[in-house]
Amino acid sequence: MSTYPVDGGTAGPIVIANEFADVVVRKVQTRNGVRLDVWSPRRGTRVMLDAVALDCLSFQEPELITELLSRNPGQ
């Protein structure tokens, strides 16, 4: 059985950035349960993912991520 990390209880968002992108990630409570809010300030885009969507991401092959990165968003 896996052990899960305990929520540290920090109140702020997590910012993940490099020279190519920056993303702000927050855990939010909605009427339909907890979601992971992923926001790209540079693009002005946002997606909210539930546990099922995140689980789906966890078993994708790296080639799928490479394919997604090759797309030109917004066109």
Protein backbone atom coordinates (compact mmCIF):
# COMPACT_ATOMS: atom_id res chain seq x y z
CA MET A 1 0.00 0.00 0.00
CA SER A 2 1.26 3.47 -0.87
CA THR A 3 1.63 6.13 1.74
CA TYR A 4 0.26 9.53 0.82
CA PRO A 5 1.94 12.79 1.79
CA VAL A 6 0.11 14.75 4.42
CA ASP A 7 -1.24 18.15 3.36
CA GLY A 8 1.12 20.69 4.87
CA GLY A 9 -1.73 23.15 5.29
CA THR A 10 0.00 25.97 3.47
CA ALA A 11 -2.45 28.60 2.34
CA GLY A 12 -0.76 29.89 -0.78
CA PRO A 13 -0.51 28.74 -4.37
CA ILE A 14 2.44 26.84 -5.80
CA VAL A 15 4.33 28.62 -8.58
CA ILE A 16 6.32 26.48 -11.02
CA ALA A 17 8.37 28.43 -13.55
CA ASN A 18 11.31 28.36 -15.89
CA GLU A 19 12.41 30.44 -18.88
CA PHE A 20 9.68 28.94 -21.08
CA ALA A 21 6.58 28.98 -18.87
CA ASP A 22 5.17 29.81 -15.49
CA VAL A 23 2.19 28.10 -13.90
CA VAL A 24 0.28 28.74 -10.69
CA VAL A 25 -1.29 25.67 -9.07
CA ARG A 26 -3.88 25.76 -6.27
CA LYS A 27 -6.13 23.23 -4.60
CA VAL A 28 -9.67 24.63 -4.62
CA GLN A 29 -12.98 23.47 -3.20
CA THR A 30 -15.91 23.62 -5.64
CA ARG A 31 -19.54 22.60 -5.37
CA ASN A 32 -18.52 19.36 -7.08
CA GLY A 33 -15.55 18.61 -4.84
CA VAL A 34 -11.85 19.39 -4.75
CA ARG A 35 -10.11 20.43 -7.96
CA LEU A 36 -6.58 21.31 -8.93
CA ASP A 37 -6.66 24.79 -10.49
CA VAL A 38 -3.81 25.19 -13.01
CA TRP A 39 -3.37 28.75 -14.31
CA SER A 40 -0.90 30.06 -16.90
CA PRO A 41 -0.46 33.81 -16.35
CA ARG A 42 1.51 34.25 -19.59
CA ARG A 43 -1.23 32.71 -21.71
CA GLY A 44 -4.16 33.75 -19.56
CA THR A 45 -5.49 30.17 -19.61
CA ARG A 46 -6.77 27.99 -16.82
CA VAL A 47 -7.96 24.43 -16.31
CA MET A 48 -9.49 22.82 -13.25
CA LEU A 49 -8.85 19.09 -12.92
CA ASP A 50 -10.57 16.62 -10.62
CA ALA A 51 -9.05 13.45 -9.17
CA VAL A 52 -10.15 11.31 -12.12
CA ALA A 53 -8.49 13.66 -14.65
CA LEU A 54 -5.30 13.78 -12.60
CA ASP A 55 -5.27 10.01 -12.25
CA CYS A 56 -5.65 9.73 -16.02
CA LEU A 57 -2.62 11.99 -16.50
CA SER A 58 -0.57 9.80 -14.19
CA PHE A 59 -0.71 6.76 -16.48
CA GLN A 60 -0.08 8.47 -19.82
CA GLU A 61 2.95 7.57 -21.88
CA PRO A 62 5.61 10.30 -22.20
CA GLU A 63 4.94 10.36 -25.96
CA LEU A 64 1.49 11.83 -25.33
CA ILE A 65 3.00 14.73 -23.40
CA THR A 66 5.53 15.24 -26.22
CA GLU A 67 2.65 15.34 -28.72
CA LEU A 68 0.77 17.90 -26.60
CA LEU A 69 3.88 20.07 -26.38
CA SER A 70 4.29 20.02 -30.16
CA ARG A 71 0.87 21.63 -30.68
CA ASN A 72 0.61 25.38 -31.15
CA PRO A 73 -2.03 26.53 -28.62
CA GLY A 74 -4.38 29.27 -29.74
CA GLN A 75 -4.24 28.50 -33.44
